């Protein structure tokens, strides 16, 4: 019996620890007094109001049970109402980011003891109980609540050796009957999605384009992103595409732009099209450079020409295309001369005609083509 009592105390303390991290400050505000409302006749009662807004406690419950879609929906609702909610943005990052990228590849291991929860372990090992869900994903645990004792848990070294900073955010508020709470008299009416737009803008301005894309993409997929939000999403996608292109990760950049394009409204898609064309041209140009280095000039030139159609103002691309064309013209001319000297006039003529199509101003090919045509005509007359 005594061990059962200790176990219950451990669960209680771990729950208290997690909730303490969610408080805005150490002082609790008293709930407003609830006035007694006289009963009204059934016919005069107001229709039931909408459900109360999502709370962080609901988010934690959803995450703890592995209900990821419900957690994401609740987080988007909270961020829409309060774009400055660092706690909601933090949980959304844990939900949407790759856990290895978020926490690092190197890890130590600990064995889960009876009575341990992920929030207790996150507090003990990482110094931050709110990392419990990121830790769950890091270990492939979909439902933190069902974690069994005795398993080995990976603890990321990068976070274990860094003292976690305390999180200050809005407190978790208990669900209350909305009909009994006084509403602010001058509360502004905000269009749905405006909060997501503001939160995405702040992330982008802070240099967190990838997080802004994840947030706004989730809002767009849920049908809760306005036209301003779509413009911010496009801006974030362009910034991220530039970062990936600079790192020579062109395929990843192209995939990301395609994914964003797929969730944009038809009116917003043209905003992304120039970047998609430039990126496609960049990929074709790199493929063309590889072909040129391998000595395959004809496919290289074809790739450069395709790229130039997509991005005609790219001077580097146009320069590469001209260089490859000149190399190919010289190569074809030399081959044609060999055929001409071997009296293989048909082959020589075909090559010089090809040179003329590539570069009409290449004078040697024009002169030799005239000679070859005249010689073939005389030979045909002799036959």
Protein backbone atom coordinates (compact mmCIF):
# COMPACT_ATOMS: atom_id res chain seq x y z
CA UNK A 1 0.00 0.00 0.00
CA UNK A 2 2.82 2.36 0.83
CA UNK A 3 4.43 1.82 -2.61
CA UNK A 4 1.11 2.57 -4.29
CA UNK A 5 0.89 5.81 -2.38
CA UNK A 6 4.40 6.82 -3.45
CA UNK A 7 3.57 5.99 -7.05
CA UNK A 8 0.45 8.15 -6.94
CA UNK A 9 2.51 10.99 -5.49
CA UNK A 10 5.03 10.71 -8.36
CA UNK A 11 2.25 10.99 -10.95
CA UNK A 12 0.79 13.97 -9.12
CA UNK A 13 4.13 15.78 -8.91
CA UNK A 14 4.91 15.18 -12.60
CA UNK A 15 1.55 16.64 -13.59
CA UNK A 16 2.13 19.63 -11.34
CA UNK A 17 5.59 20.15 -12.86
CA UNK A 18 4.23 20.25 -16.41
CA UNK A 19 1.43 22.62 -15.50
CA UNK A 20 3.85 24.91 -13.66
CA UNK A 21 5.81 25.40 -16.90
CA UNK A 22 2.67 26.65 -18.56
CA UNK A 23 2.00 29.49 -16.10
CA UNK A 24 2.57 33.07 -17.19
CA UNK A 25 3.86 34.00 -13.73
CA UNK A 26 3.81 32.69 -10.20
CA UNK A 27 0.79 34.71 -9.14
CA UNK A 28 -2.62 33.25 -9.78
CA UNK A 29 -5.39 35.59 -10.70
CA UNK A 30 -8.72 35.08 -9.06
CA UNK A 31 -11.50 34.02 -11.39
CA UNK A 32 -14.17 36.66 -11.84
CA UNK A 33 -17.22 36.24 -9.70
CA UNK A 34 -20.09 34.45 -11.38
CA UNK A 35 -23.37 36.21 -11.01
CA UNK A 36 -26.41 34.09 -10.39
CA UNK A 37 -28.75 34.19 -13.35
CA UNK A 38 -32.42 33.57 -12.74
CA UNK A 39 -33.87 30.66 -14.63
CA UNK A 40 -35.60 31.61 -17.87
CA UNK A 41 -38.55 29.92 -19.48
CA UNK A 42 -37.47 27.23 -21.96
CA UNK A 43 -38.84 29.15 -24.94
CA UNK A 44 -36.87 32.32 -24.03
CA UNK A 45 -33.49 30.71 -23.49
CA UNK A 46 -30.69 31.68 -25.88
CA UNK A 47 -29.53 29.06 -28.36
CA UNK A 48 -26.37 27.22 -27.29
CA UNK A 49 -23.21 29.13 -28.02
CA UNK A 50 -20.16 27.87 -29.87
CA UNK A 51 -17.66 25.68 -28.09
CA UNK A 52 -15.07 27.56 -26.01
CA UNK A 53 -11.76 28.29 -27.74
CA UNK A 54 -9.04 25.68 -27.67
CA UNK A 55 -6.69 25.73 -24.69
CA UNK A 56 -3.12 24.59 -24.19
CA UNK A 57 -4.36 21.97 -21.74
CA UNK A 58 -6.42 20.44 -24.55
CA UNK A 59 -3.36 20.50 -26.81
CA UNK A 60 -1.28 18.67 -24.20
CA UNK A 61 -4.01 16.10 -23.71
CA UNK A 62 -4.25 15.52 -27.47
CA UNK A 63 -0.47 15.15 -27.81
CA UNK A 64 -0.29 12.86 -24.80
CA UNK A 65 -2.89 10.57 -26.40
CA UNK A 66 -1.30 10.66 -29.86
CA UNK A 67 -4.19 12.62 -31.41
CA UNK A 68 -1.95 14.66 -33.67
CA UNK A 69 -4.55 16.07 -36.08
CA UNK A 70 -6.68 17.31 -33.19
CA UNK A 71 -3.62 18.84 -31.53
CA UNK A 72 -2.61 20.66 -34.71
CA UNK A 73 -6.13 22.02 -35.21
CA UNK A 74 -6.23 23.28 -31.62
CA UNK A 75 -2.79 24.89 -31.94
CA UNK A 76 -3.76 26.69 -35.14
CA UNK A 77 -6.87 27.99 -33.39
CA UNK A 78 -4.81 29.25 -30.45
CA UNK A 79 -2.23 30.93 -32.71
CA UNK A 80 -5.01 32.51 -34.76
CA UNK A 81 -6.40 34.05 -31.55
CA UNK A 82 -2.99 34.87 -30.08
CA UNK A 83 -0.23 35.14 -32.71
CA UNK A 84 2.34 35.89 -30.01
CA UNK A 85 1.80 32.59 -28.21
CA UNK A 86 5.34 31.29 -28.03
CA UNK A 87 4.14 28.17 -26.26
CA UNK A 88 1.69 27.28 -29.04
CA UNK A 89 4.31 27.99 -31.71
CA UNK A 90 6.75 25.85 -29.79
CA UNK A 91 4.42 22.88 -29.63
CA UNK A 92 3.55 23.34 -33.32
CA UNK A 93 7.26 23.22 -34.13
CA UNK A 94 7.58 19.96 -32.18
CA UNK A 95 4.60 18.59 -34.10
CA UNK A 96 5.69 19.62 -37.60
CA UNK A 97 9.50 19.52 -37.54
CA UNK A 98 11.72 16.55 -38.17
CA UNK A 99 12.63 15.42 -34.63
CA UNK A 100 16.22 14.57 -35.56
CA UNK A 101 16.76 17.98 -37.15
CA UNK A 102 15.14 19.60 -34.13
CA UNK A 103 17.11 17.71 -31.46
CA UNK A 104 20.27 16.43 -33.17
CA UNK A 105 21.57 13.02 -34.20
CA UNK A 106 23.84 12.23 -31.23
CA UNK A 107 22.10 10.76 -28.21
CA UNK A 108 22.55 8.93 -24.92
CA UNK A 109 20.10 6.37 -23.57
CA UNK A 110 18.22 6.02 -20.32
CA UNK A 111 15.96 3.23 -19.13
CA UNK A 112 12.38 4.23 -18.34
CA UNK A 113 11.59 3.42 -14.73
CA UNK A 114 8.21 2.55 -13.33
CA UNK A 115 6.39 5.78 -12.57
CA UNK A 116 8.35 7.80 -15.17
CA UNK A 117 6.48 9.92 -17.70
CA UNK A 118 7.95 11.66 -20.72
CA UNK A 119 7.37 15.06 -19.14
CA UNK A 120 9.27 13.97 -16.01
CA UNK A 121 12.11 12.56 -18.11
CA UNK A 122 12.20 15.67 -20.31
CA UNK A 123 12.45 17.85 -17.20
CA UNK A 124 15.08 15.65 -15.60
CA UNK A 125 17.26 15.04 -18.66
CA UNK A 126 16.67 18.17 -20.77
CA UNK A 127 15.66 20.68 -18.13
CA UNK A 128 12.38 21.35 -19.94
CA UNK A 129 9.22 19.32 -19.38
CA UNK A 130 7.61 20.94 -22.44
CA UNK A 131 9.96 18.99 -24.70
CA UNK A 132 8.02 15.82 -23.87
CA UNK A 133 6.36 15.51 -27.26
CA UNK A 134 9.54 16.25 -29.25
CA UNK A 135 11.22 13.58 -27.13
CA UNK A 136 8.37 11.18 -27.93
CA UNK A 137 8.75 11.74 -31.67
CA UNK A 138 12.54 11.46 -31.36
CA UNK A 139 11.97 7.96 -29.98
CA UNK A 140 9.15 7.00 -32.35
CA UNK A 141 6.54 7.03 -29.58
CA UNK A 142 3.23 8.11 -31.08
CA UNK A 143 1.26 8.16 -27.83
CA UNK A 144 3.38 9.40 -24.89
CA UNK A 145 0.74 8.28 -22.40
CA UNK A 146 1.27 4.64 -23.38
CA UNK A 147 5.04 4.58 -22.84
CA UNK A 148 5.95 1.35 -21.07
CA UNK A 149 8.57 1.07 -18.30
CA UNK A 150 11.75 -0.82 -19.04
CA UNK A 151 12.31 0.54 -22.55
CA UNK A 152 15.45 2.42 -23.54
CA UNK A 153 14.83 6.07 -24.35
CA UNK A 154 17.13 8.14 -26.56
CA UNK A 155 18.11 11.48 -25.01
CA UNK A 156 19.58 14.01 -27.50
CA UNK A 157 23.01 15.10 -26.37
CA UNK A 158 22.74 18.58 -27.89
CA UNK A 159 19.83 19.48 -25.61
CA UNK A 160 20.99 17.46 -22.63
CA UNK A 161 24.14 19.52 -22.30
CA UNK A 162 22.39 22.85 -22.75
CA UNK A 163 20.53 24.29 -19.83
CA UNK A 164 16.99 24.91 -20.99
CA UNK A 165 15.59 28.39 -20.75
CA UNK A 166 12.35 28.83 -18.86
CA UNK A 167 9.31 29.27 -21.02
CA UNK A 168 7.10 32.24 -20.28
CA UNK A 169 3.77 32.22 -22.00
CA UNK A 170 0.10 32.38 -21.39
CA UNK A 171 -1.34 30.24 -18.59
CA UNK A 172 -3.48 27.23 -19.28
CA UNK A 173 -7.00 28.26 -18.47
CA UNK A 174 -9.60 25.85 -17.24
CA UNK A 175 -12.67 25.36 -19.38
CA UNK A 176 -15.47 27.60 -18.19
CA UNK A 177 -19.04 28.08 -19.29
CA UNK A 178 -18.84 30.88 -21.87
CA UNK A 179 -22.29 32.18 -21.01
CA UNK A 180 -21.14 33.09 -17.51
CA UNK A 181 -18.00 35.03 -18.44
CA UNK A 182 -17.98 38.74 -19.14
CA UNK A 183 -16.58 39.62 -22.57
CA UNK A 184 -14.37 42.68 -23.23
CA UNK A 185 -16.47 45.61 -24.32
CA UNK A 186 -14.11 46.84 -27.04
CA UNK A 187 -12.73 43.54 -28.31
CA UNK A 188 -11.72 44.02 -31.96
CA UNK A 189 -13.24 41.74 -34.56
CA UNK A 190 -10.42 39.89 -36.30
CA UNK A 191 -10.97 37.99 -39.52
CA UNK A 192 -10.28 34.25 -39.36
CA UNK A 193 -6.68 33.54 -40.30
CA UNK A 194 -5.39 37.03 -39.46
CA UNK A 195 -3.62 35.70 -36.39
CA UNK A 196 -1.90 33.00 -38.43
CA UNK A 197 -0.76 35.65 -40.89
CA UNK A 198 0.72 37.77 -38.12
CA UNK A 199 2.43 34.77 -36.50
CA UNK A 200 3.85 33.70 -39.87
CA UNK A 201 5.11 37.23 -40.52
CA UNK A 202 6.88 37.31 -37.17
CA UNK A 203 8.53 33.95 -37.84
CA UNK A 204 9.69 35.12 -41.26
CA UNK A 205 11.06 38.37 -39.87
CA UNK A 206 12.93 36.35 -37.24
CA UNK A 207 14.66 34.36 -39.98
CA UNK A 208 12.56 31.23 -39.43
CA UNK A 209 11.18 30.78 -42.93
CA UNK A 210 10.82 27.01 -42.61
CA UNK A 211 8.70 27.34 -39.46
CA UNK A 212 6.59 30.05 -41.12
CA UNK A 213 5.95 27.73 -44.07
CA UNK A 214 4.91 24.89 -41.76
CA UNK A 215 2.53 27.13 -39.81
CA UNK A 216 0.91 28.82 -42.79
CA UNK A 217 0.74 25.62 -44.84
CA UNK A 218 -1.18 23.96 -42.04
CA UNK A 219 -3.54 26.94 -41.93
CA UNK A 220 -4.01 26.87 -45.69
CA UNK A 221 -4.70 23.12 -45.68
CA UNK A 222 -7.35 23.72 -43.02
CA UNK A 223 -8.93 26.43 -45.19
CA UNK A 224 -8.14 29.12 -42.63
CA UNK A 225 -5.64 31.35 -44.44
CA UNK A 226 -6.64 34.65 -46.03
CA UNK A 227 -5.04 36.32 -49.05
CA UNK A 228 -2.57 38.24 -46.88
CA UNK A 229 -1.53 34.98 -45.28
CA UNK A 230 -1.00 33.41 -48.69
CA UNK A 231 1.30 36.28 -49.65
CA UNK A 232 3.33 35.75 -46.49
CA UNK A 233 3.44 32.02 -47.27
CA UNK A 234 4.75 32.79 -50.75
CA UNK A 235 7.38 35.16 -49.30
CA UNK A 236 8.49 32.50 -46.83
CA UNK A 237 8.65 29.90 -49.59
CA UNK A 238 10.79 32.20 -51.75
CA UNK A 239 13.18 32.86 -48.87
CA UNK A 240 13.45 29.16 -48.07
CA UNK A 241 13.95 28.28 -51.75
CA UNK A 242 16.81 30.78 -51.86
CA UNK A 243 18.40 29.18 -48.80
CA UNK A 244 18.13 25.71 -50.30
CA UNK A 245 19.41 26.86 -53.69
CA UNK A 246 22.43 28.49 -52.04
CA UNK A 247 23.15 25.14 -50.39
CA UNK A 248 22.82 23.45 -53.82
CA UNK A 249 19.75 21.54 -52.61
CA UNK A 250 17.78 22.36 -55.73
CA UNK A 251 15.62 19.26 -55.74
CA UNK A 252 14.50 19.90 -52.16
CA UNK A 253 13.74 23.51 -53.06
CA UNK A 254 11.70 22.42 -56.07
CA UNK A 255 9.72 19.89 -54.01
CA UNK A 256 9.01 22.51 -51.35
CA UNK A 257 7.74 25.03 -53.92
CA UNK A 258 5.55 22.36 -55.52
CA UNK A 259 4.04 21.51 -52.13
CA UNK A 260 3.30 25.16 -51.37
CA UNK A 261 1.88 25.70 -54.86
CA UNK A 262 -0.49 22.77 -54.35
CA UNK A 263 -2.19 24.39 -51.35
CA UNK A 264 -2.34 27.96 -52.65
CA UNK A 265 -5.54 29.35 -54.10
CA UNK A 266 -5.64 29.87 -57.89
CA UNK A 267 -5.35 33.62 -57.32
CA UNK A 268 -2.10 33.26 -55.35
CA UNK A 269 -0.29 30.70 -57.49
CA UNK A 270 1.03 33.22 -60.05
CA UNK A 271 3.04 34.83 -57.22
CA UNK A 272 5.11 31.66 -56.97
CA UNK A 273 5.45 30.89 -60.67
CA UNK A 274 8.52 33.09 -61.48
CA UNK A 275 10.52 31.45 -58.69
CA UNK A 276 9.47 27.98 -59.81
CA UNK A 277 10.59 28.75 -63.36
CA UNK A 278 13.94 30.16 -62.20
CA UNK A 279 14.54 27.14 -60.01
CA UNK A 280 13.67 24.73 -62.83
CA UNK A 281 16.06 26.64 -65.10
CA UNK A 282 18.80 26.40 -62.48
CA UNK A 283 18.38 22.64 -62.27
CA UNK A 284 18.48 22.29 -66.06
CA UNK A 285 21.61 24.45 -66.21
CA UNK A 286 23.40 22.26 -63.65
CA UNK A 287 22.41 19.16 -65.62
CA UNK A 288 23.75 20.86 -68.75
CA UNK A 289 27.05 21.62 -67.04
CA UNK A 290 27.39 17.95 -66.10
CA UNK A 291 26.77 16.93 -69.72
CA UNK A 292 29.34 19.47 -70.94
CA UNK A 293 31.96 18.19 -68.52
CA UNK A 294 31.33 14.67 -69.78
CA UNK A 295 31.89 15.86 -73.36
CA UNK A 296 28.27 15.39 -74.42
CA UNK A 297 27.81 18.77 -76.04
CA UNK A 298 24.57 18.21 -77.94
CA UNK A 299 22.46 17.15 -74.91
CA UNK A 300 24.21 19.87 -72.91
CA UNK A 301 23.16 22.54 -75.39
CA UNK A 302 19.60 21.18 -75.47
CA UNK A 303 19.41 21.48 -71.66
CA UNK A 304 20.77 25.02 -71.73
CA UNK A 305 18.24 26.03 -74.38
CA UNK A 306 15.37 24.62 -72.30
CA UNK A 307 16.66 26.50 -69.28
CA UNK A 308 16.93 29.74 -71.25
CA UNK A 309 13.28 29.47 -72.24
CA UNK A 310 12.34 29.35 -68.55
CA UNK A 311 14.71 32.10 -67.41
CA UNK A 312 15.67 34.28 -70.38
CA UNK A 313 17.20 37.02 -68.20
CA UNK A 314 19.77 34.75 -66.53
CA UNK A 315 23.10 36.05 -67.87
CA UNK A 316 25.12 33.18 -66.42
CA UNK A 317 22.83 30.72 -68.15
CA UNK A 318 23.00 32.55 -71.47
CA UNK A 319 26.80 32.67 -71.25
CA UNK A 320 27.00 28.93 -70.60
CA UNK A 321 24.68 28.30 -73.53
CA UNK A 322 26.80 30.40 -75.91
CA UNK A 323 30.02 28.69 -74.79
CA UNK A 324 28.59 25.22 -75.35
CA UNK A 325 27.18 26.25 -78.72
CA UNK A 326 30.59 27.55 -79.82
CA UNK A 327 32.28 24.33 -78.70
CA UNK A 328 29.70 22.23 -80.52
CA UNK A 329 29.98 24.32 -83.69
CA UNK A 330 33.76 23.89 -83.72
CA UNK A 331 33.43 20.17 -83.07
CA UNK A 332 30.90 19.62 -85.85
CA UNK A 333 32.96 21.71 -88.28
CA UNK A 334 36.06 19.60 -87.60
CA UNK A 335 34.08 16.39 -88.14
CA UNK A 336 32.67 17.77 -91.37
CA UNK A 337 36.17 18.58 -92.65
CA UNK A 338 37.25 14.99 -92.03
CA UNK A 339 34.26 13.70 -94.03
CA UNK A 340 34.96 16.23 -96.79
CA UNK A 341 38.57 15.12 -97.18
CA UNK A 342 37.43 11.48 -97.25
CA UNK A 343 34.97 12.36 -100.02
CA UNK A 344 32.01 11.50 -97.72
CA UNK A 345 30.21 14.55 -99.01
CA UNK A 346 26.72 13.69 -97.78
CA UNK A 347 27.95 13.37 -94.20
CA UNK A 348 29.99 16.56 -94.46
CA UNK A 349 27.09 18.52 -95.93
CA UNK A 350 24.72 17.30 -93.20
CA UNK A 351 27.13 18.42 -90.47
CA UNK A 352 27.73 21.86 -92.03
CA UNK A 353 23.99 22.36 -92.39
CA UNK A 354 23.67 21.57 -88.69
CA UNK A 355 26.39 24.11 -87.94
CA UNK A 356 24.50 26.69 -89.98
CA UNK A 357 21.39 26.14 -87.87
CA UNK A 358 23.35 26.55 -84.65
CA UNK A 359 25.36 29.59 -85.74
CA UNK A 360 24.40 31.20 -89.06
CA UNK A 361 27.32 33.64 -88.69
CA UNK A 362 30.00 30.93 -88.62
CA UNK A 363 31.66 31.78 -91.93
CA UNK A 364 33.94 28.71 -92.43
CA UNK A 365 30.98 26.35 -92.35
CA UNK A 366 29.09 28.47 -94.87
CA UNK A 367 32.05 28.52 -97.29
CA UNK A 368 32.77 24.80 -97.04
CA UNK A 369 29.09 23.94 -97.38
CA UNK A 370 28.96 25.77 -100.71
CA UNK A 371 32.08 23.93 -101.91
CA UNK A 372 30.74 20.55 -100.81
CA UNK A 373 27.39 21.13 -102.52
CA UNK A 374 29.10 22.22 -105.75
CA UNK A 375 31.47 19.25 -105.69
CA UNK A 376 28.64 16.78 -105.10
CA UNK A 377 26.71 18.27 -108.00
CA UNK A 378 29.70 17.87 -110.36
CA UNK A 379 30.22 14.29 -109.25
CA UNK A 380 26.57 13.51 -109.86
CA UNK A 381 26.88 14.97 -113.38
CA UNK A 382 29.87 12.73 -114.10
CA UNK A 383 27.93 9.69 -112.98
